[in-house]
Each structure stands twice: as C-alpha cells, then as structure tokens.
Amino acid sequence: VRVGRVRGQLALRFQFLRRQQVLQLYRRILRAVRDVPAEPDRRYLKEWAREEFRRNKDATDEDAIRMMITQGNMQLQELQRTLKLAKS
C-alpha cells in the first residue's frame, strides 16, 4: 500500500512539473508574438498558439507531451530567430 501511495505522489509531482513546463512555454510564445510587427500576423499567431494548446490540453501520454513541448520550443526559437532577423 505504501509503495503505491509513493508512486501516486511521484506521478502527481511529475504532472505538476510538466504542467508548469507547458504553461511556461505558452507564456513565452505569447510574449514572443507581441514582438511581431504586423497586427494581422500577431492575431494569427496568437490564435494559432491558443488553438494548439487548447487542442492538446487533454493529452496524457508522457512521451507525446514531451514531444509536443520539444516541438513548441523549436517553433518558438524559429519565431524568435525570424523576429531577430527582421529587426536587423
């Protein structure tokens, strides 16, 4: 009984940490979108981010979630690179 409880607590802790990672990524994407110069592009990217996160909010497969976080970070980096090039 004790081992099961410890496993359950660990699972909850990992879920909490993963949730924090996802929320942090979402906030970083929205912050980056603020730097997009054209209003229609900003609106499109903001809606795209919202829809992607909304569509995947019920995901439970740990590997799939990790993969989505990785892809989200790559897309964020690409957006940041594009914005940096546009400013120079």
PDB file of N, CA and C in Angstrom:
ATOM      1  N   VAL A   1       0.839  -1.185   0.000  1.00  0.00           N
ATOM      2  CA  VAL A   1       0.000   0.000   0.000  1.00  0.00           C
ATOM      3  C   VAL A   1       0.884   1.249   0.000  1.00  0.00           C
ATOM      4  N   ARG A   2       1.938   1.244   0.773  1.00  0.00           N
ATOM      5  CA  ARG A   2       2.821   2.408   0.874  1.00  0.00           C
ATOM      6  C   ARG A   2       3.524   2.709  -0.453  1.00  0.00           C
ATOM      7  N   VAL A   3       3.999   1.670  -1.152  1.00  0.00           N
ATOM      8  CA  VAL A   3       4.685   1.866  -2.430  1.00  0.00           C
ATOM      9  C   VAL A   3       3.732   2.491  -3.446  1.00  0.00           C
ATOM     10  N   GLY A   4       2.508   2.034  -3.473  1.00  0.00           N
ATOM     11  CA  GLY A   4       1.512   2.597  -4.389  1.00  0.00           C
ATOM     12  C   GLY A   4       1.259   4.061  -4.110  1.00  0.00           C
ATOM     13  N   ARG A   5       1.225   4.419  -2.833  1.00  0.00           N
ATOM     14  CA  ARG A   5       0.986   5.820  -2.475  1.00  0.00           C
ATOM     15  C   ARG A   5       2.163   6.699  -2.901  1.00  0.00           C
ATOM     16  N   VAL A   6       3.365   6.202  -2.692  1.00  0.00           N
ATOM     17  CA  VAL A   6       4.558   6.961  -3.099  1.00  0.00           C
ATOM     18  C   VAL A   6       4.571   7.141  -4.612  1.00  0.00           C
ATOM     19  N   ARG A   7       4.252   6.085  -5.352  1.00  0.00           N
ATOM     20  CA  ARG A   7       4.196   6.188  -6.811  1.00  0.00           C
ATOM     21  C   ARG A   7       3.160   7.215  -7.247  1.00  0.00           C
ATOM     22  N   GLY A   8       2.024   7.199  -6.594  1.00  0.00           N
ATOM     23  CA  GLY A   8       0.970   8.159  -6.906  1.00  0.00           C
ATOM     24  C   GLY A   8       1.419   9.583  -6.647  1.00  0.00           C
ATOM     25  N   GLN A   9       2.130   9.781  -5.537  1.00  0.00           N
ATOM     26  CA  GLN A   9       2.632  11.125  -5.220  1.00  0.00           C
ATOM     27  C   GLN A   9       3.670  11.576  -6.244  1.00  0.00           C
ATOM     28  N   LEU A  10       4.525  10.642  -6.656  1.00  0.00           N
ATOM     29  CA  LEU A  10       5.528  10.979  -7.680  1.00  0.00           C
ATOM     30  C   LEU A  10       4.853  11.331  -9.002  1.00  0.00           C
ATOM     31  N   ALA A  11       3.840  10.553  -9.360  1.00  0.00           N
ATOM     32  CA  ALA A  11       3.122  10.823 -10.609  1.00  0.00           C
ATOM     33  C   ALA A  11       2.490  12.206 -10.562  1.00  0.00           C
ATOM     34  N   LEU A  12       1.901  12.569  -9.433  1.00  0.00           N
ATOM     35  CA  LEU A  12       1.296  13.890  -9.300  1.00  0.00           C
ATOM     36  C   LEU A  12       2.355  14.987  -9.400  1.00  0.00           C
ATOM     37  N   ARG A  13       3.508  14.743  -8.790  1.00  0.00           N
ATOM     38  CA  ARG A  13       4.590  15.735  -8.843  1.00  0.00           C
ATOM     39  C   ARG A  13       5.074  15.929 -10.275  1.00  0.00           C
ATOM     40  N   PHE A  14       5.231  14.816 -11.019  1.00  0.00           N
ATOM     41  CA  PHE A  14       5.661  14.927 -12.415  1.00  0.00           C
ATOM     42  C   PHE A  14       4.603  15.638 -13.253  1.00  0.00           C
ATOM     43  N   GLN A  15       3.332  15.359 -12.996  1.00  0.00           N
ATOM     44  CA  GLN A  15       2.261  16.047 -13.718  1.00  0.00           C
ATOM     45  C   GLN A  15       2.326  17.547 -13.446  1.00  0.00           C
ATOM     46  N   PHE A  16       2.547  17.914 -12.194  1.00  0.00           N
ATOM     47  CA  PHE A  16       2.642  19.318 -11.819  1.00  0.00           C
ATOM     48  C   PHE A  16       3.808  19.983 -12.538  1.00  0.00           C
ATOM     49  N   LEU A  17       4.964  19.327 -12.537  1.00  0.00           N
ATOM     50  CA  LEU A  17       6.145  19.890 -13.189  1.00  0.00           C
ATOM     51  C   LEU A  17       5.940  20.012 -14.697  1.00  0.00           C
ATOM     52  N   ARG A  18       5.335  18.998 -15.298  1.00  0.00           N
ATOM     53  CA  ARG A  18       5.075  19.027 -16.739  1.00  0.00           C
ATOM     54  C   ARG A  18       4.102  20.160 -17.063  1.00  0.00           C
ATOM     55  N   ARG A  19       3.073  20.321 -16.223  1.00  0.00           N
ATOM     56  CA  ARG A  19       2.101  21.402 -16.417  1.00  0.00           C
ATOM     57  C   ARG A  19       2.807  22.757 -16.356  1.00  0.00           C
ATOM     58  N   GLN A  20       3.737  22.909 -15.424  1.00  0.00           N
ATOM     59  CA  GLN A  20       4.481  24.157 -15.316  1.00  0.00           C
ATOM     60  C   GLN A  20       5.305  24.406 -16.575  1.00  0.00           C
ATOM     61  N   GLN A  21       5.897  23.354 -17.121  1.00  0.00           N
ATOM     62  CA  GLN A  21       6.675  23.495 -18.362  1.00  0.00           C
ATOM     63  C   GLN A  21       5.779  23.966 -19.506  1.00  0.00           C
ATOM     64  N   VAL A  22       4.602  23.368 -19.611  1.00  0.00           N
ATOM     65  CA  VAL A  22       3.674  23.710 -20.692  1.00  0.00           C
ATOM     66  C   VAL A  22       3.211  25.162 -20.553  1.00  0.00           C
ATOM     67  N   LEU A  23       2.839  25.550 -19.341  1.00  0.00           N
ATOM     68  CA  LEU A  23       2.386  26.931 -19.123  1.00  0.00           C
ATOM     69  C   LEU A  23       3.501  27.935 -19.402  1.00  0.00           C
ATOM     70  N   GLN A  24       4.721  27.593 -19.007  1.00  0.00           N
ATOM     71  CA  GLN A  24       5.863  28.471 -19.268  1.00  0.00           C
ATOM     72  C   GLN A  24       6.083  28.628 -20.773  1.00  0.00           C
ATOM     73  N   LEU A  25       5.999  27.528 -21.506  1.00  0.00           N
ATOM     74  CA  LEU A  25       6.159  27.578 -22.960  1.00  0.00           C
ATOM     75  C   LEU A  25       5.070  28.449 -23.580  1.00  0.00           C
ATOM     76  N   TYR A  26       3.837  28.278 -23.146  1.00  0.00           N
ATOM     77  CA  TYR A  26       2.715  29.060 -23.667  1.00  0.00           C
ATOM     78  C   TYR A  26       2.946  30.556 -23.439  1.00  0.00           C
ATOM     79  N   ARG A  27       3.362  30.907 -22.233  1.00  0.00           N
ATOM     80  CA  ARG A  27       3.622  32.319 -21.923  1.00  0.00           C
ATOM     81  C   ARG A  27       4.770  32.871 -22.763  1.00  0.00           C
ATOM     82  N   ARG A  28       5.826  32.078 -22.947  1.00  0.00           N
ATOM     83  CA  ARG A  28       6.963  32.534 -23.754  1.00  0.00           C
ATOM     84  C   ARG A  28       6.559  32.746 -25.209  1.00  0.00           C
ATOM     85  N   ILE A  29       5.703  31.872 -25.732  1.00  0.00           N
ATOM     86  CA  ILE A  29       5.229  32.029 -27.109  1.00  0.00           C
ATOM     87  C   ILE A  29       4.410  33.313 -27.228  1.00  0.00           C
ATOM     88  N   LEU A  30       3.483  33.534 -26.292  1.00  0.00           N
ATOM     89  CA  LEU A  30       2.656  34.746 -26.353  1.00  0.00           C
ATOM     90  C   LEU A  30       3.504  36.007 -26.219  1.00  0.00           C
ATOM     91  N   ARG A  31       4.541  35.964 -25.378  1.00  0.00           N
ATOM     92  CA  ARG A  31       5.439  37.123 -25.261  1.00  0.00           C
ATOM     93  C   ARG A  31       6.167  37.387 -26.579  1.00  0.00           C
ATOM     94  N   ALA A  32       6.618  36.321 -27.220  1.00  0.00           N
ATOM     95  CA  ALA A  32       7.326  36.478 -28.497  1.00  0.00           C
ATOM     96  C   ALA A  32       6.383  37.026 -29.567  1.00  0.00           C
ATOM     97  N   VAL A  33       5.146  36.586 -29.555  1.00  0.00           N
ATOM     98  CA  VAL A  33       4.165  37.040 -30.543  1.00  0.00           C
ATOM     99  C   VAL A  33       3.938  38.546 -30.422  1.00  0.00           C
ATOM    100  N   ARG A  34       4.057  39.086 -29.213  1.00  0.00           N
ATOM    101  CA  ARG A  34       3.887  40.538 -29.023  1.00  0.00           C
ATOM    102  C   ARG A  34       4.878  41.344 -29.861  1.00  0.00           C
ATOM    103  N   ASP A  35       6.030  40.753 -30.170  1.00  0.00           N
ATOM    104  CA  ASP A  35       7.066  41.455 -30.930  1.00  0.00           C
ATOM    105  C   ASP A  35       6.854  41.403 -32.438  1.00  0.00           C
ATOM    106  N   VAL A  36       5.850  40.664 -32.883  1.00  0.00           N
ATOM    107  CA  VAL A  36       5.565  40.599 -34.324  1.00  0.00           C
ATOM    108  C   VAL A  36       5.024  41.962 -34.750  1.00  0.00           C
ATOM    109  N   PRO A  37       5.641  42.580 -35.753  1.00  0.00           N
ATOM    110  CA  PRO A  37       5.275  43.962 -36.089  1.00  0.00           C
ATOM    111  C   PRO A  37       3.869  44.139 -36.682  1.00  0.00           C
ATOM    112  N   ALA A  38       3.417  43.235 -37.504  1.00  0.00           N
ATOM    113  CA  ALA A  38       2.131  43.409 -38.193  1.00  0.00           C
ATOM    114  C   ALA A  38       0.986  42.842 -37.346  1.00  0.00           C
ATOM    115  N   GLU A  39      -0.016  43.670 -37.122  1.00  0.00           N
ATOM    116  CA  GLU A  39      -1.161  43.267 -36.294  1.00  0.00           C
ATOM    117  C   GLU A  39      -1.866  42.001 -36.803  1.00  0.00           C
ATOM    118  N   PRO A  40      -2.134  41.869 -38.115  1.00  0.00           N
ATOM    119  CA  PRO A  40      -2.793  40.637 -38.578  1.00  0.00           C
ATOM    120  C   PRO A  40      -1.954  39.382 -38.287  1.00  0.00           C
ATOM    121  N   ASP A  41      -0.644  39.497 -38.417  1.00  0.00           N
ATOM    122  CA  ASP A  41       0.245  38.363 -38.126  1.00  0.00           C
ATOM    123  C   ASP A  41       0.231  38.041 -36.632  1.00  0.00           C
ATOM    124  N   ARG A  42       0.243  39.093 -35.809  1.00  0.00           N
ATOM    125  CA  ARG A  42       0.175  38.889 -34.352  1.00  0.00           C
ATOM    126  C   ARG A  42      -1.101  38.154 -33.984  1.00  0.00           C
ATOM    127  N   ARG A  43      -2.231  38.619 -34.532  1.00  0.00           N
ATOM    128  CA  ARG A  43      -3.519  37.976 -34.234  1.00  0.00           C
ATOM    129  C   ARG A  43      -3.522  36.516 -34.672  1.00  0.00           C
ATOM    130  N   TYR A  44      -3.018  36.274 -35.891  1.00  0.00           N
ATOM    131  CA  TYR A  44      -2.983  34.905 -36.416  1.00  0.00           C
ATOM    132  C   TYR A  44      -2.136  33.999 -35.515  1.00  0.00           C
ATOM    133  N   LEU A  45      -0.939  34.447 -35.148  1.00  0.00           N
ATOM    134  CA  LEU A  45      -0.037  33.627 -34.336  1.00  0.00           C
ATOM    135  C   LEU A  45      -0.592  33.399 -32.931  1.00  0.00           C
ATOM    136  N   LYS A  46      -1.219  34.412 -32.367  1.00  0.00           N
ATOM    137  CA  LYS A  46      -1.813  34.272 -31.037  1.00  0.00           C
ATOM    138  C   LYS A  46      -2.943  33.239 -31.076  1.00  0.00           C
ATOM    139  N   GLU A  47      -3.779  33.323 -32.093  1.00  0.00           N
ATOM    140  CA  GLU A  47      -4.884  32.366 -32.225  1.00  0.00           C
ATOM    141  C   GLU A  47      -4.355  30.960 -32.504  1.00  0.00           C
ATOM    142  N   TRP A  48      -3.306  30.881 -33.332  1.00  0.00           N
ATOM    143  CA  TRP A  48      -2.699  29.583 -33.620  1.00  0.00           C
ATOM    144  C   TRP A  48      -2.191  28.938 -32.327  1.00  0.00           C
ATOM    145  N   ALA A  49      -1.475  29.716 -31.496  1.00  0.00           N
ATOM    146  CA  ALA A  49      -0.935  29.189 -30.236  1.00  0.00           C
ATOM    147  C   ALA A  49      -2.072  28.732 -29.325  1.00  0.00           C
ATOM    148  N   ARG A  50      -3.070  29.566 -29.176  1.00  0.00           N
ATOM    149  CA  ARG A  50      -4.213  29.202 -28.326  1.00  0.00           C
ATOM    150  C   ARG A  50      -4.849  27.907 -28.781  1.00  0.00           C
ATOM    151  N   GLU A  51      -5.074  27.807 -30.084  1.00  0.00           N
ATOM    152  CA  GLU A  51      -5.735  26.612 -30.622  1.00  0.00           C
ATOM    153  C   GLU A  51      -4.878  25.357 -30.434  1.00  0.00           C
ATOM    154  N   GLU A  52      -3.574  25.470 -30.673  1.00  0.00           N
ATOM    155  CA  GLU A  52      -2.686  24.308 -30.499  1.00  0.00           C
ATOM    156  C   GLU A  52      -2.702  23.816 -29.052  1.00  0.00           C
ATOM    157  N   PHE A  53      -2.595  24.744 -28.114  1.00  0.00           N
ATOM    158  CA  PHE A  53      -2.582  24.348 -26.709  1.00  0.00           C
ATOM    159  C   PHE A  53      -3.948  23.822 -26.282  1.00  0.00           C
ATOM    160  N   ARG A  54      -5.001  24.457 -26.760  1.00  0.00           N
ATOM    161  CA  ARG A  54      -6.358  24.013 -26.430  1.00  0.00           C
ATOM    162  C   ARG A  54      -6.614  22.607 -26.979  1.00  0.00           C
ATOM    163  N   ARG A  55      -6.170  22.378 -28.207  1.00  0.00           N
ATOM    164  CA  ARG A  55      -6.411  21.086 -28.865  1.00  0.00           C
ATOM    165  C   ARG A  55      -5.696  19.941 -28.138  1.00  0.00           C
ATOM    166  N   ASN A  56      -4.582  20.248 -27.509  1.00  0.00           N
ATOM    167  CA  ASN A  56      -3.783  19.203 -26.864  1.00  0.00           C
ATOM    168  C   ASN A  56      -3.892  19.201 -25.341  1.00  0.00           C
ATOM    169  N   LYS A  57      -4.822  19.961 -24.786  1.00  0.00           N
ATOM    170  CA  LYS A  57      -4.895  20.101 -23.329  1.00  0.00           C
ATOM    171  C   LYS A  57      -5.224  18.809 -22.595  1.00  0.00           C
ATOM    172  N   ASP A  58      -5.851  17.867 -23.264  1.00  0.00           N
ATOM    173  CA  ASP A  58      -6.222  16.616 -22.599  1.00  0.00           C
ATOM    174  C   ASP A  58      -5.233  15.480 -22.852  1.00  0.00           C
ATOM    175  N   ALA A  59      -4.096  15.788 -23.440  1.00  0.00           N
ATOM    176  CA  ALA A  59      -3.082  14.756 -23.714  1.00  0.00           C
ATOM    177  C   ALA A  59      -2.565  14.180 -22.398  1.00  0.00           C
ATOM    178  N   THR A  60      -2.386  12.866 -22.360  1.00  0.00           N
ATOM    179  CA  THR A  60      -1.906  12.212 -21.143  1.00  0.00           C
ATOM    180  C   THR A  60      -0.658  11.356 -21.386  1.00  0.00           C
ATOM    181  N   ASP A  61      -0.385  11.020 -22.627  1.00  0.00           N
ATOM    182  CA  ASP A  61       0.782  10.191 -22.940  1.00  0.00           C
ATOM    183  C   ASP A  61       2.048  11.019 -22.710  1.00  0.00           C
ATOM    184  N   GLU A  62       2.843  10.595 -21.742  1.00  0.00           N
ATOM    185  CA  GLU A  62       4.036  11.350 -21.334  1.00  0.00           C
ATOM    186  C   GLU A  62       4.999  11.576 -22.500  1.00  0.00           C
ATOM    187  N   ASP A  63       5.210  10.562 -23.323  1.00  0.00           N
ATOM    188  CA  ASP A  63       6.113  10.720 -24.473  1.00  0.00           C
ATOM    189  C   ASP A  63       5.564  11.743 -25.467  1.00  0.00           C
ATOM    190  N   ALA A  64       4.269  11.692 -25.724  1.00  0.00           N
ATOM    191  CA  ALA A  64       3.651  12.638 -26.651  1.00  0.00           C
ATOM    192  C   ALA A  64       3.753  14.062 -26.104  1.00  0.00           C
ATOM    193  N   ILE A  65       3.547  14.225 -24.808  1.00  0.00           N
ATOM    194  CA  ILE A  65       3.631  15.549 -24.195  1.00  0.00           C
ATOM    195  C   ILE A  65       5.047  16.096 -24.298  1.00  0.00           C
ATOM    196  N   ARG A  66       6.028  15.238 -24.013  1.00  0.00           N
ATOM    197  CA  ARG A  66       7.430  15.662 -24.141  1.00  0.00           C
ATOM    198  C   ARG A  66       7.744  16.090 -25.578  1.00  0.00           C
ATOM    199  N   MET A  67       7.240  15.318 -26.537  1.00  0.00           N
ATOM    200  CA  MET A  67       7.472  15.625 -27.942  1.00  0.00           C
ATOM    201  C   MET A  67       6.817  16.972 -28.310  1.00  0.00           C
ATOM    202  N   MET A  68       5.604  17.200 -27.821  1.00  0.00           N
ATOM    203  CA  MET A  68       4.921  18.461 -28.124  1.00  0.00           C
ATOM    204  C   MET A  68       5.654  19.650 -27.504  1.00  0.00           C
ATOM    205  N   ILE A  69       6.182  19.482 -26.304  1.00  0.00           N
ATOM    206  CA  ILE A  69       6.961  20.552 -25.665  1.00  0.00           C
ATOM    207  C   ILE A  69       8.209  20.843 -26.492  1.00  0.00           C
ATOM    208  N   THR A  70       8.879  19.797 -26.928  1.00  0.00           N
ATOM    209  CA  THR A  70      10.079  19.965 -27.756  1.00  0.00           C
ATOM    210  C   THR A  70       9.744  20.696 -29.048  1.00  0.00           C
ATOM    211  N   GLN A  71       8.668  20.278 -29.715  1.00  0.00           N
ATOM    212  CA  GLN A  71       8.266  20.937 -30.959  1.00  0.00           C
ATOM    213  C   GLN A  71       7.888  22.392 -30.711  1.00  0.00           C
ATOM    214  N   GLY A  72       7.179  22.638 -29.615  1.00  0.00           N
ATOM    215  CA  GLY A  72       6.800  24.008 -29.275  1.00  0.00           C
ATOM    216  C   GLY A  72       8.013  24.887 -29.046  1.00  0.00           C
ATOM    217  N   ASN A  73       9.008  24.350 -28.354  1.00  0.00           N
ATOM    218  CA  ASN A  73      10.246  25.112 -28.119  1.00  0.00           C
ATOM    219  C   ASN A  73      10.979  25.393 -29.428  1.00  0.00           C
ATOM    220  N   MET A  74      10.981  24.422 -30.333  1.00  0.00           N
ATOM    221  CA  MET A  74      11.632  24.624 -31.630  1.00  0.00           C
ATOM    222  C   MET A  74      10.901  25.702 -32.429  1.00  0.00           C
ATOM    223  N   GLN A  75       9.568  25.686 -32.404  1.00  0.00           N
ATOM    224  CA  GLN A  75       8.800  26.691 -33.132  1.00  0.00           C
ATOM    225  C   GLN A  75       9.003  28.077 -32.510  1.00  0.00           C
ATOM    226  N   LEU A  76       9.091  28.124 -31.190  1.00  0.00           N
ATOM    227  CA  LEU A  76       9.361  29.391 -30.511  1.00  0.00           C
ATOM    228  C   LEU A  76      10.727  29.932 -30.928  1.00  0.00           C
ATOM    229  N   GLN A  77      11.732  29.077 -30.942  1.00  0.00           N
ATOM    230  CA  GLN A  77      13.074  29.513 -31.342  1.00  0.00           C
ATOM    231  C   GLN A  77      13.081  30.018 -32.781  1.00  0.00           C
ATOM    232  N   GLU A  78      12.338  29.345 -33.649  1.00  0.00           N
ATOM    233  CA  GLU A  78      12.254  29.777 -35.047  1.00  0.00           C
ATOM    234  C   GLU A  78      11.590  31.152 -35.148  1.00  0.00           C
ATOM    235  N   LEU A  79      10.528  31.363 -34.391  1.00  0.00           N
ATOM    236  CA  LEU A  79       9.863  32.673 -34.366  1.00  0.00           C
ATOM    237  C   LEU A  79      10.818  33.742 -33.862  1.00  0.00           C
ATOM    238  N   GLN A  80      11.549  33.431 -32.790  1.00  0.00           N
ATOM    239  CA  GLN A  80      12.492  34.407 -32.233  1.00  0.00           C
ATOM    240  C   GLN A  80      13.592  34.733 -33.229  1.00  0.00           C
ATOM    241  N   ARG A  81      14.103  33.722 -33.928  1.00  0.00           N
ATOM    242  CA  ARG A  81      15.134  33.948 -34.953  1.00  0.00           C
ATOM    243  C   ARG A  81      14.592  34.841 -36.077  1.00  0.00           C
ATOM    244  N   THR A  82      13.378  34.543 -36.510  1.00  0.00           N
ATOM    245  CA  THR A  82      12.761  35.329 -37.590  1.00  0.00           C
ATOM    246  C   THR A  82      12.581  36.782 -37.173  1.00  0.00           C
ATOM    247  N   LEU A  83      12.117  36.987 -35.938  1.00  0.00           N
ATOM    248  CA  LEU A  83      11.922  38.354 -35.447  1.00  0.00           C
ATOM    249  C   LEU A  83      13.258  39.090 -35.341  1.00  0.00           C
ATOM    250  N   LYS A  84      14.285  38.382 -34.900  1.00  0.00           N
ATOM    251  CA  LYS A  84      15.610  38.994 -34.764  1.00  0.00           C
ATOM    252  C   LYS A  84      16.145  39.406 -36.142  1.00  0.00           C
ATOM    253  N   LEU A  85      15.951  38.538 -37.136  1.00  0.00           N
ATOM    254  CA  LEU A  85      16.401  38.871 -38.492  1.00  0.00           C
ATOM    255  C   LEU A  85      15.623  40.052 -39.058  1.00  0.00           C
ATOM    256  N   ALA A  86      14.342  40.123 -38.754  1.00  0.00           N
ATOM    257  CA  ALA A  86      13.506  41.206 -39.275  1.00  0.00           C
ATOM    258  C   ALA A  86      13.937  42.555 -38.684  1.00  0.00           C
ATOM    259  N   LYS A  87      14.449  42.544 -37.455  1.00  0.00           N
ATOM    260  CA  LYS A  87      14.877  43.781 -36.814  1.00  0.00           C
ATOM    261  C   LYS A  87      16.218  44.266 -37.339  1.00  0.00           C
ATOM    262  N   SER A  88      17.038  43.348 -37.856  1.00  0.00           N
ATOM    263  CA  SER A  88      18.385  43.745 -38.286  1.00  0.00           C
ATOM    264  C   SER A  88      18.429  44.210 -39.716  1.00  0.00           C
TER     265      SER A  88
END
